Amino acid sequence: GQRQIDSFQAGGNRQGLNFEQIKSIKITIPSKDEQI
């Protein structure tokens, strides 16, 4: 998760995330039972 957040920060300035960037973050999920 942190790598994807970092990748949105041009030049490493960590200035901010917008909502479209957050929505585009890729997450791989298991079944709900495994998540729990």
PDB file of all heavy atoms in Angstrom:
ATOM      1  N   GLY A   1       0.811  -1.212   0.000  1.00  0.00           N
ATOM      2  CA  GLY A   1       0.000   0.000   0.000  1.00  0.00           C
ATOM      3  C   GLY A   1       0.843   1.260   0.000  1.00  0.00           C
ATOM      4  O   GLY A   1       0.576   2.205  -0.753  1.00  0.00           O
ATOM      5  N   GLN A   2       1.887   1.290   0.826  1.00  0.00           N
ATOM      6  CA  GLN A   2       2.729   2.475   0.939  1.00  0.00           C
ATOM      7  C   GLN A   2       3.494   2.760  -0.356  1.00  0.00           C
ATOM      8  O   GLN A   2       3.698   3.922  -0.717  1.00  0.00           O
ATOM      9  CB  GLN A   2       3.705   2.315   2.105  1.00  0.00           C
ATOM     10  CG  GLN A   2       3.042   2.363   3.475  1.00  0.00           C
ATOM     11  CD  GLN A   2       2.476   3.736   3.807  1.00  0.00           C
ATOM     12  OE1 GLN A   2       3.196   4.734   3.768  1.00  0.00           O
ATOM     13  NE2 GLN A   2       1.192   3.791   4.120  1.00  0.00           N
ATOM     14  N   ARG A   3       3.905   1.713  -1.075  1.00  0.00           N
ATOM     15  CA  ARG A   3       4.611   1.923  -2.341  1.00  0.00           C
ATOM     16  C   ARG A   3       3.712   2.625  -3.356  1.00  0.00           C
ATOM     17  O   ARG A   3       4.161   3.510  -4.099  1.00  0.00           O
ATOM     18  CB  ARG A   3       5.077   0.577  -2.909  1.00  0.00           C
ATOM     19  CG  ARG A   3       6.327   0.026  -2.243  1.00  0.00           C
ATOM     20  CD  ARG A   3       6.755  -1.249  -2.943  1.00  0.00           C
ATOM     21  NE  ARG A   3       7.657  -2.025  -2.111  1.00  0.00           N
ATOM     22  CZ  ARG A   3       7.631  -3.343  -2.001  1.00  0.00           C
ATOM     23  NH1 ARG A   3       6.722  -4.037  -2.658  1.00  0.00           N
ATOM     24  NH2 ARG A   3       8.500  -3.972  -1.235  1.00  0.00           N
ATOM     25  N   GLN A   4       2.445   2.217  -3.379  1.00  0.00           N
ATOM     26  CA  GLN A   4       1.528   2.854  -4.334  1.00  0.00           C
ATOM     27  C   GLN A   4       1.255   4.304  -3.936  1.00  0.00           C
ATOM     28  O   GLN A   4       1.190   5.183  -4.796  1.00  0.00           O
ATOM     29  CB  GLN A   4       0.215   2.065  -4.407  1.00  0.00           C
ATOM     30  CG  GLN A   4       0.390   0.700  -5.040  1.00  0.00           C
ATOM     31  CD  GLN A   4      -0.940   0.006  -5.283  1.00  0.00           C
ATOM     32  OE1 GLN A   4      -1.749   0.446  -6.098  1.00  0.00           O
ATOM     33  NE2 GLN A   4      -1.175  -1.078  -4.548  1.00  0.00           N
ATOM     34  N   ILE A   5       1.114   4.556  -2.644  1.00  0.00           N
ATOM     35  CA  ILE A   5       0.923   5.933  -2.183  1.00  0.00           C
ATOM     36  C   ILE A   5       2.137   6.774  -2.544  1.00  0.00           C
ATOM     37  O   ILE A   5       2.012   7.896  -3.045  1.00  0.00           O
ATOM     38  CB  ILE A   5       0.658   5.953  -0.667  1.00  0.00           C
ATOM     39  CG1 ILE A   5      -0.722   5.351  -0.365  1.00  0.00           C
ATOM     40  CG2 ILE A   5       0.750   7.376  -0.108  1.00  0.00           C
ATOM     41  CD1 ILE A   5      -0.996   5.116   1.111  1.00  0.00           C
ATOM     42  N   ASP A   6       3.334   6.224  -2.318  1.00  0.00           N
ATOM     43  CA  ASP A   6       4.569   6.939  -2.660  1.00  0.00           C
ATOM     44  C   ASP A   6       4.659   7.214  -4.165  1.00  0.00           C
ATOM     45  O   ASP A   6       5.177   8.252  -4.586  1.00  0.00           O
ATOM     46  CB  ASP A   6       5.796   6.133  -2.227  1.00  0.00           C
ATOM     47  CG  ASP A   6       6.028   6.173  -0.722  1.00  0.00           C
ATOM     48  OD1 ASP A   6       5.470   7.064  -0.061  1.00  0.00           O
ATOM     49  OD2 ASP A   6       6.759   5.304  -0.211  1.00  0.00           O
ATOM     50  N   SER A   7       4.175   6.268  -4.969  1.00  0.00           N
ATOM     51  CA  SER A   7       4.318   6.408  -6.426  1.00  0.00           C
ATOM     52  C   SER A   7       3.536   7.584  -6.975  1.00  0.00           C
ATOM     53  O   SER A   7       3.848   8.094  -8.060  1.00  0.00           O
ATOM     54  CB  SER A   7       3.857   5.120  -7.125  1.00  0.00           C
ATOM     55  OG  SER A   7       2.437   4.985  -7.056  1.00  0.00           O
ATOM     56  N   PHE A   8       2.523   8.034  -6.251  1.00  0.00           N
ATOM     57  CA  PHE A   8       1.727   9.176  -6.702  1.00  0.00           C
ATOM     58  C   PHE A   8       2.379  10.517  -6.376  1.00  0.00           C
ATOM     59  O   PHE A   8       1.921  11.561  -6.836  1.00  0.00           O
ATOM     60  CB  PHE A   8       0.334   9.149  -6.073  1.00  0.00           C
ATOM     61  CG  PHE A   8      -0.529   8.011  -6.540  1.00  0.00           C
ATOM     62  CD1 PHE A   8      -1.066   7.123  -5.628  1.00  0.00           C
ATOM     63  CD2 PHE A   8      -0.790   7.818  -7.892  1.00  0.00           C
ATOM     64  CE1 PHE A   8      -1.866   6.066  -6.049  1.00  0.00           C
ATOM     65  CE2 PHE A   8      -1.584   6.764  -8.322  1.00  0.00           C
ATOM     66  CZ  PHE A   8      -2.118   5.880  -7.394  1.00  0.00           C
ATOM     67  N   GLN A   9       3.444  10.478  -5.580  1.00  0.00           N
ATOM     68  CA  GLN A   9       4.072  11.729  -5.141  1.00  0.00           C
ATOM     69  C   GLN A   9       5.245  12.066  -6.047  1.00  0.00           C
ATOM     70  O   GLN A   9       6.338  11.528  -5.901  1.00  0.00           O
ATOM     71  CB  GLN A   9       4.538  11.619  -3.684  1.00  0.00           C
ATOM     72  CG  GLN A   9       3.460  11.111  -2.731  1.00  0.00           C
ATOM     73  CD  GLN A   9       2.170  11.880  -2.882  1.00  0.00           C
ATOM     74  OE1 GLN A   9       2.141  13.084  -2.678  1.00  0.00           O
ATOM     75  NE2 GLN A   9       1.092  11.199  -3.240  1.00  0.00           N
ATOM     76  N   ALA A  10       5.007  12.966  -6.984  1.00  0.00           N
ATOM     77  CA  ALA A  10       6.022  13.326  -7.979  1.00  0.00           C
ATOM     78  C   ALA A  10       7.265  13.869  -7.300  1.00  0.00           C
ATOM     79  O   ALA A  10       7.185  14.758  -6.462  1.00  0.00           O
ATOM     80  CB  ALA A  10       5.466  14.366  -8.945  1.00  0.00           C
ATOM     81  N   GLY A  11       8.417  13.294  -7.650  1.00  0.00           N
ATOM     82  CA  GLY A  11       9.679  13.778  -7.104  1.00  0.00           C
ATOM     83  C   GLY A  11       9.871  13.474  -5.644  1.00  0.00           C
ATOM     84  O   GLY A  11      10.786  13.973  -5.010  1.00  0.00           O
ATOM     85  N   GLY A  12       8.997  12.657  -5.065  1.00  0.00           N
ATOM     86  CA  GLY A  12       9.132  12.313  -3.654  1.00  0.00           C
ATOM     87  C   GLY A  12       8.735  13.426  -2.709  1.00  0.00           C
ATOM     88  O   GLY A  12       9.069  13.383  -1.526  1.00  0.00           O
ATOM     89  N   ASN A  13       7.983  14.420  -3.196  1.00  0.00           N
ATOM     90  CA  ASN A  13       7.618  15.547  -2.333  1.00  0.00           C
ATOM     91  C   ASN A  13       6.499  15.230  -1.355  1.00  0.00           C
ATOM     92  O   ASN A  13       6.266  15.969  -0.413  1.00  0.00           O
ATOM     93  CB  ASN A  13       7.190  16.742  -3.194  1.00  0.00           C
ATOM     94  CG  ASN A  13       8.353  17.345  -3.948  1.00  0.00           C
ATOM     95  OD1 ASN A  13       9.470  17.331  -3.462  1.00  0.00           O
ATOM     96  ND2 ASN A  13       8.082  17.853  -5.138  1.00  0.00           N
ATOM     97  N   ARG A  14       5.779  14.135  -1.607  1.00  0.00           N
ATOM     98  CA  ARG A  14       4.681  13.728  -0.729  1.00  0.00           C
ATOM     99  C   ARG A  14       3.740  14.900  -0.454  1.00  0.00           C
ATOM    100  O   ARG A  14       3.400  15.201   0.674  1.00  0.00           O
ATOM    101  CB  ARG A  14       5.232  13.148   0.587  1.00  0.00           C
ATOM    102  CG  ARG A  14       6.067  11.903   0.375  1.00  0.00           C
ATOM    103  CD  ARG A  14       6.604  11.338   1.666  1.00  0.00           C
ATOM    104  NE  ARG A  14       5.581  10.689   2.468  1.00  0.00           N
ATOM    105  CZ  ARG A  14       5.200   9.428   2.299  1.00  0.00           C
ATOM    106  NH1 ARG A  14       5.714   8.703   1.348  1.00  0.00           N
ATOM    107  NH2 ARG A  14       4.274   8.905   3.085  1.00  0.00           N
ATOM    108  N   GLN A  15       3.317  15.569  -1.534  1.00  0.00           N
ATOM    109  CA  GLN A  15       2.486  16.755  -1.381  1.00  0.00           C
ATOM    110  C   GLN A  15       1.031  16.428  -1.110  1.00  0.00           C
ATOM    111  O   GLN A  15       0.365  17.149  -0.388  1.00  0.00           O
ATOM    112  CB  GLN A  15       2.610  17.626  -2.638  1.00  0.00           C
ATOM    113  CG  GLN A  15       4.003  18.214  -2.819  1.00  0.00           C
ATOM    114  CD  GLN A  15       4.133  18.958  -4.122  1.00  0.00           C
ATOM    115  OE1 GLN A  15       3.276  18.845  -5.003  1.00  0.00           O
ATOM    116  NE2 GLN A  15       5.203  19.712  -4.268  1.00  0.00           N
ATOM    117  N   GLY A  16       0.507  15.375  -1.722  1.00  0.00           N
ATOM    118  CA  GLY A  16      -0.890  15.064  -1.480  1.00  0.00           C
ATOM    119  C   GLY A  16      -1.436  14.026  -2.433  1.00  0.00           C
ATOM    120  O   GLY A  16      -0.924  13.827  -3.539  1.00  0.00           O
ATOM    121  N   LEU A  17      -2.494  13.345  -1.975  1.00  0.00           N
ATOM    122  CA  LEU A  17      -3.218  12.385  -2.796  1.00  0.00           C
ATOM    123  C   LEU A  17      -4.572  12.974  -3.157  1.00  0.00           C
ATOM    124  O   LEU A  17      -5.218  13.601  -2.314  1.00  0.00           O
ATOM    125  CB  LEU A  17      -3.454  11.081  -2.022  1.00  0.00           C
ATOM    126  CG  LEU A  17      -2.258  10.206  -1.665  1.00  0.00           C
ATOM    127  CD1 LEU A  17      -2.705   9.086  -0.737  1.00  0.00           C
ATOM    128  CD2 LEU A  17      -1.639   9.625  -2.922  1.00  0.00           C
ATOM    129  N   ASN A  18      -5.030  12.733  -4.395  1.00  0.00           N
ATOM    130  CA  ASN A  18      -6.403  13.104  -4.730  1.00  0.00           C
ATOM    131  C   ASN A  18      -7.274  11.856  -4.722  1.00  0.00           C
ATOM    132  O   ASN A  18      -6.781  10.724  -4.669  1.00  0.00           O
ATOM    133  CB  ASN A  18      -6.471  13.849  -6.069  1.00  0.00           C
ATOM    134  CG  ASN A  18      -6.001  13.004  -7.248  1.00  0.00           C
ATOM    135  OD1 ASN A  18      -6.434  11.867  -7.439  1.00  0.00           O
ATOM    136  ND2 ASN A  18      -5.100  13.574  -8.056  1.00  0.00           N
ATOM    137  N   PHE A  19      -8.570  12.061  -4.783  1.00  0.00           N
ATOM    138  CA  PHE A  19      -9.499  10.941  -4.618  1.00  0.00           C
ATOM    139  C   PHE A  19      -9.397   9.926  -5.751  1.00  0.00           C
ATOM    140  O   PHE A  19      -9.551   8.720  -5.524  1.00  0.00           O
ATOM    141  CB  PHE A  19     -10.937  11.467  -4.496  1.00  0.00           C
ATOM    142  CG  PHE A  19     -11.119  12.444  -3.364  1.00  0.00           C
ATOM    143  CD1 PHE A  19     -11.966  13.535  -3.494  1.00  0.00           C
ATOM    144  CD2 PHE A  19     -10.426  12.282  -2.175  1.00  0.00           C
ATOM    145  CE1 PHE A  19     -12.126  14.437  -2.463  1.00  0.00           C
ATOM    146  CE2 PHE A  19     -10.579  13.175  -1.135  1.00  0.00           C
ATOM    147  CZ  PHE A  19     -11.433  14.264  -1.285  1.00  0.00           C
ATOM    148  N   GLU A  20      -9.144  10.389  -6.972  1.00  0.00           N
ATOM    149  CA  GLU A  20      -9.020   9.463  -8.090  1.00  0.00           C
ATOM    150  C   GLU A  20      -7.787   8.576  -7.926  1.00  0.00           C
ATOM    151  O   GLU A  20      -7.817   7.391  -8.275  1.00  0.00           O
ATOM    152  CB  GLU A  20      -8.958  10.234  -9.413  1.00  0.00           C
ATOM    153  CG  GLU A  20     -10.266  10.923  -9.781  1.00  0.00           C
ATOM    154  CD  GLU A  20     -11.453   9.963  -9.784  1.00  0.00           C
ATOM    155  OE1 GLU A  20     -11.321   8.864 -10.379  1.00  0.00           O
ATOM    156  OE2 GLU A  20     -12.489  10.291  -9.176  1.00  0.00           O
ATOM    157  N   GLN A  21      -6.722   9.128  -7.399  1.00  0.00           N
ATOM    158  CA  GLN A  21      -5.528   8.323  -7.140  1.00  0.00           C
ATOM    159  C   GLN A  21      -5.827   7.253  -6.096  1.00  0.00           C
ATOM    160  O   GLN A  21      -5.406   6.097  -6.238  1.00  0.00           O
ATOM    161  CB  GLN A  21      -4.379   9.220  -6.680  1.00  0.00           C
ATOM    162  CG  GLN A  21      -3.790  10.086  -7.779  1.00  0.00           C
ATOM    163  CD  GLN A  21      -2.802  11.107  -7.245  1.00  0.00           C
ATOM    164  OE1 GLN A  21      -2.900  11.546  -6.091  1.00  0.00           O
ATOM    165  NE2 GLN A  21      -1.847  11.494  -8.078  1.00  0.00           N
ATOM    166  N   ILE A  22      -6.536   7.640  -5.039  1.00  0.00           N
ATOM    167  CA  ILE A  22      -6.883   6.677  -3.988  1.00  0.00           C
ATOM    168  C   ILE A  22      -7.741   5.558  -4.563  1.00  0.00           C
ATOM    169  O   ILE A  22      -7.509   4.374  -4.296  1.00  0.00           O
ATOM    170  CB  ILE A  22      -7.602   7.384  -2.826  1.00  0.00           C
ATOM    171  CG1 ILE A  22      -6.654   8.390  -2.153  1.00  0.00           C
ATOM    172  CG2 ILE A  22      -8.105   6.365  -1.800  1.00  0.00           C
ATOM    173  CD1 ILE A  22      -7.345   9.323  -1.184  1.00  0.00           C
ATOM    174  N   LYS A  23      -8.729   5.916  -5.381  1.00  0.00           N
ATOM    175  CA  LYS A  23      -9.608   4.908  -5.979  1.00  0.00           C
ATOM    176  C   LYS A  23      -8.841   3.967  -6.899  1.00  0.00           C
ATOM    177  O   LYS A  23      -9.230   2.802  -7.079  1.00  0.00           O
ATOM    178  CB  LYS A  23     -10.727   5.599  -6.765  1.00  0.00           C
ATOM    179  CG  LYS A  23     -11.751   6.313  -5.909  1.00  0.00           C
ATOM    180  CD  LYS A  23     -12.783   7.014  -6.792  1.00  0.00           C
ATOM    181  CE  LYS A  23     -13.787   7.801  -5.970  1.00  0.00           C
ATOM    182  NZ  LYS A  23     -14.778   8.513  -6.824  1.00  0.00           N
ATOM    183  N   SER A  24      -7.751   4.450  -7.487  1.00  0.00           N
ATOM    184  CA  SER A  24      -6.996   3.626  -8.436  1.00  0.00           C
ATOM    185  C   SER A  24      -5.993   2.695  -7.757  1.00  0.00           C
ATOM    186  O   SER A  24      -5.371   1.863  -8.429  1.00  0.00           O
ATOM    187  CB  SER A  24      -6.250   4.525  -9.426  1.00  0.00           C
ATOM    188  OG  SER A  24      -5.154   5.182  -8.799  1.00  0.00           O
ATOM    189  N   ILE A  25      -5.810   2.813  -6.447  1.00  0.00           N
ATOM    190  CA  ILE A  25      -4.863   1.944  -5.743  1.00  0.00           C
ATOM    191  C   ILE A  25      -5.287   0.490  -5.887  1.00  0.00           C
ATOM    192  O   ILE A  25      -6.443   0.126  -5.628  1.00  0.00           O
ATOM    193  CB  ILE A  25      -4.775   2.332  -4.252  1.00  0.00           C
ATOM    194  CG1 ILE A  25      -4.082   3.692  -4.106  1.00  0.00           C
ATOM    195  CG2 ILE A  25      -4.017   1.262  -3.456  1.00  0.00           C
ATOM    196  CD1 ILE A  25      -4.063   4.219  -2.684  1.00  0.00           C
ATOM    197  N   LYS A  26      -4.375  -0.339  -6.333  1.00  0.00           N
ATOM    198  CA  LYS A  26      -4.665  -1.764  -6.538  1.00  0.00           C
ATOM    199  C   LYS A  26      -4.513  -2.518  -5.227  1.00  0.00           C
ATOM    200  O   LYS A  26      -3.535  -2.351  -4.500  1.00  0.00           O
ATOM    201  CB  LYS A  26      -3.732  -2.353  -7.599  1.00  0.00           C
ATOM    202  CG  LYS A  26      -3.930  -1.773  -8.995  1.00  0.00           C
ATOM    203  CD  LYS A  26      -2.970  -2.411  -9.982  1.00  0.00           C
ATOM    204  CE  LYS A  26      -3.227  -1.937 -11.406  1.00  0.00           C
ATOM    205  NZ  LYS A  26      -3.016  -0.484 -11.568  1.00  0.00           N
ATOM    206  N   ILE A  27      -5.481  -3.352  -4.934  1.00  0.00           N
ATOM    207  CA  ILE A  27      -5.460  -4.177  -3.727  1.00  0.00           C
ATOM    208  C   ILE A  27      -5.895  -5.585  -4.103  1.00  0.00           C
ATOM    209  O   ILE A  27      -6.883  -5.778  -4.813  1.00  0.00           O
ATOM    210  CB  ILE A  27      -6.370  -3.583  -2.623  1.00  0.00           C
ATOM    211  CG1 ILE A  27      -6.411  -4.510  -1.409  1.00  0.00           C
ATOM    212  CG2 ILE A  27      -7.770  -3.281  -3.127  1.00  0.00           C
ATOM    213  CD1 ILE A  27      -7.120  -3.915  -0.204  1.00  0.00           C
ATOM    214  N   THR A  28      -5.125  -6.557  -3.670  1.00  0.00           N
ATOM    215  CA  THR A  28      -5.448  -7.962  -3.939  1.00  0.00           C
ATOM    216  C   THR A  28      -6.076  -8.552  -2.682  1.00  0.00           C
ATOM    217  O   THR A  28      -5.484  -8.486  -1.599  1.00  0.00           O
ATOM    218  CB  THR A  28      -4.191  -8.747  -4.331  1.00  0.00           C
ATOM    219  OG1 THR A  28      -3.519  -8.063  -5.396  1.00  0.00           O
ATOM    220  CG2 THR A  28      -4.547 -10.139  -4.802  1.00  0.00           C
ATOM    221  N   ILE A  29      -7.271  -9.091  -2.813  1.00  0.00           N
ATOM    222  CA  ILE A  29      -8.023  -9.528  -1.641  1.00  0.00           C
ATOM    223  C   ILE A  29      -8.354 -11.015  -1.691  1.00  0.00           C
ATOM    224  O   ILE A  29      -8.589 -11.580  -2.759  1.00  0.00           O
ATOM    225  CB  ILE A  29      -9.331  -8.716  -1.472  1.00  0.00           C
ATOM    226  CG1 ILE A  29     -10.264  -8.917  -2.667  1.00  0.00           C
ATOM    227  CG2 ILE A  29      -9.022  -7.244  -1.272  1.00  0.00           C
ATOM    228  CD1 ILE A  29     -11.651  -8.328  -2.464  1.00  0.00           C
ATOM    229  N   PRO A  30      -8.368 -11.677  -0.537  1.00  0.00           N
ATOM    230  CA  PRO A  30      -8.833 -13.062  -0.443  1.00  0.00           C
ATOM    231  C   PRO A  30     -10.334 -13.084  -0.143  1.00  0.00           C
ATOM    232  O   PRO A  30     -11.013 -12.053  -0.191  1.00  0.00           O
ATOM    233  CB  PRO A  30      -8.026 -13.591   0.738  1.00  0.00           C
ATOM    234  CG  PRO A  30      -7.910 -12.400   1.646  1.00  0.00           C
ATOM    235  CD  PRO A  30      -7.838 -11.190   0.751  1.00  0.00           C
ATOM    236  N   SER A  31     -10.821 -14.243   0.217  1.00  0.00           N
ATOM    237  CA  SER A  31     -12.219 -14.351   0.638  1.00  0.00           C
ATOM    238  C   SER A  31     -12.450 -13.513   1.884  1.00  0.00           C
ATOM    239  O   SER A  31     -11.507 -13.157   2.601  1.00  0.00           O
ATOM    240  CB  SER A  31     -12.563 -15.811   0.937  1.00  0.00           C
ATOM    241  OG  SER A  31     -11.845 -16.248   2.099  1.00  0.00           O
ATOM    242  N   LYS A  32     -13.704 -13.216   2.151  1.00  0.00           N
ATOM    243  CA  LYS A  32     -14.017 -12.395   3.317  1.00  0.00           C
ATOM    244  C   LYS A  32     -13.589 -13.085   4.606  1.00  0.00           C
ATOM    245  O   LYS A  32     -13.095 -12.437   5.541  1.00  0.00           O
ATOM    246  CB  LYS A  32     -15.506 -12.065   3.350  1.00  0.00           C
ATOM    247  CG  LYS A  32     -15.853 -10.989   4.370  1.00  0.00           C
ATOM    248  CD  LYS A  32     -17.272 -10.491   4.194  1.00  0.00           C
ATOM    249  CE  LYS A  32     -17.574  -9.363   5.183  1.00  0.00           C
ATOM    250  NZ  LYS A  32     -18.955  -8.848   5.014  1.00  0.00           N
ATOM    251  N   ASP A  33     -13.753 -14.402   4.673  1.00  0.00           N
ATOM    252  CA  ASP A  33     -13.349 -15.138   5.881  1.00  0.00           C
ATOM    253  C   ASP A  33     -11.846 -15.009   6.134  1.00  0.00           C
ATOM    254  O   ASP A  33     -11.400 -14.846   7.279  1.00  0.00           O
ATOM    255  CB  ASP A  33     -13.720 -16.617   5.757  1.00  0.00           C
ATOM    256  CG  ASP A  33     -15.217 -16.863   5.919  1.00  0.00           C
ATOM    257  OD1 ASP A  33     -15.909 -15.958   6.437  1.00  0.00           O
ATOM    258  OD2 ASP A  33     -15.691 -17.940   5.515  1.00  0.00           O
ATOM    259  N   GLU A  34     -11.052 -15.062   5.064  1.00  0.00           N
ATOM    260  CA  GLU A  34      -9.606 -14.936   5.228  1.00  0.00           C
ATOM    261  C   GLU A  34      -9.232 -13.501   5.607  1.00  0.00           C
ATOM    262  O   GLU A  34      -8.340 -13.275   6.430  1.00  0.00           O
ATOM    263  CB  GLU A  34      -8.878 -15.371   3.957  1.00  0.00           C
ATOM    264  CG  GLU A  34      -7.370 -15.470   4.150  1.00  0.00           C
ATOM    265  CD  GLU A  34      -6.656 -16.122   2.976  1.00  0.00           C
ATOM    266  OE1 GLU A  34      -7.335 -16.538   2.009  1.00  0.00           O
ATOM    267  OE2 GLU A  34      -5.409 -16.208   3.022  1.00  0.00           O
ATOM    268  N   GLN A  35      -9.923 -12.544   5.004  1.00  0.00           N
ATOM    269  CA  GLN A  35      -9.705 -11.148   5.392  1.00  0.00           C
ATOM    270  C   GLN A  35      -9.935 -10.960   6.889  1.00  0.00           C
ATOM    271  O   GLN A  35      -9.142 -10.312   7.584  1.00  0.00           O
ATOM    272  CB  GLN A  35     -10.661 -10.227   4.637  1.00  0.00           C
ATOM    273  CG  GLN A  35     -10.401 -10.059   3.164  1.00  0.00           C
ATOM    274  CD  GLN A  35     -11.427  -9.135   2.535  1.00  0.00           C
ATOM    275  OE1 GLN A  35     -11.678  -8.033   3.035  1.00  0.00           O
ATOM    276  NE2 GLN A  35     -12.030  -9.572   1.440  1.00  0.00           N
ATOM    277  N   ILE A  36     -11.039 -11.532   7.369  1.00  0.00           N
ATOM    278  CA  ILE A  36     -11.401 -11.378   8.785  1.00  0.00           C
ATOM    279  C   ILE A  36     -10.329 -11.985   9.680  1.00  0.00           C
ATOM    280  O   ILE A  36      -9.937 -11.393  10.697  1.00  0.00           O
ATOM    281  CB  ILE A  36     -12.778 -12.024   9.059  1.00  0.00           C
ATOM    282  CG1 ILE A  36     -13.883 -11.204   8.384  1.00  0.00           C
ATOM    283  CG2 ILE A  36     -13.037 -12.143  10.562  1.00  0.00           C
ATOM    284  CD1 ILE A  36     -15.252 -11.873   8.412  1.00  0.00           C
TER     285      ILE A  36
END
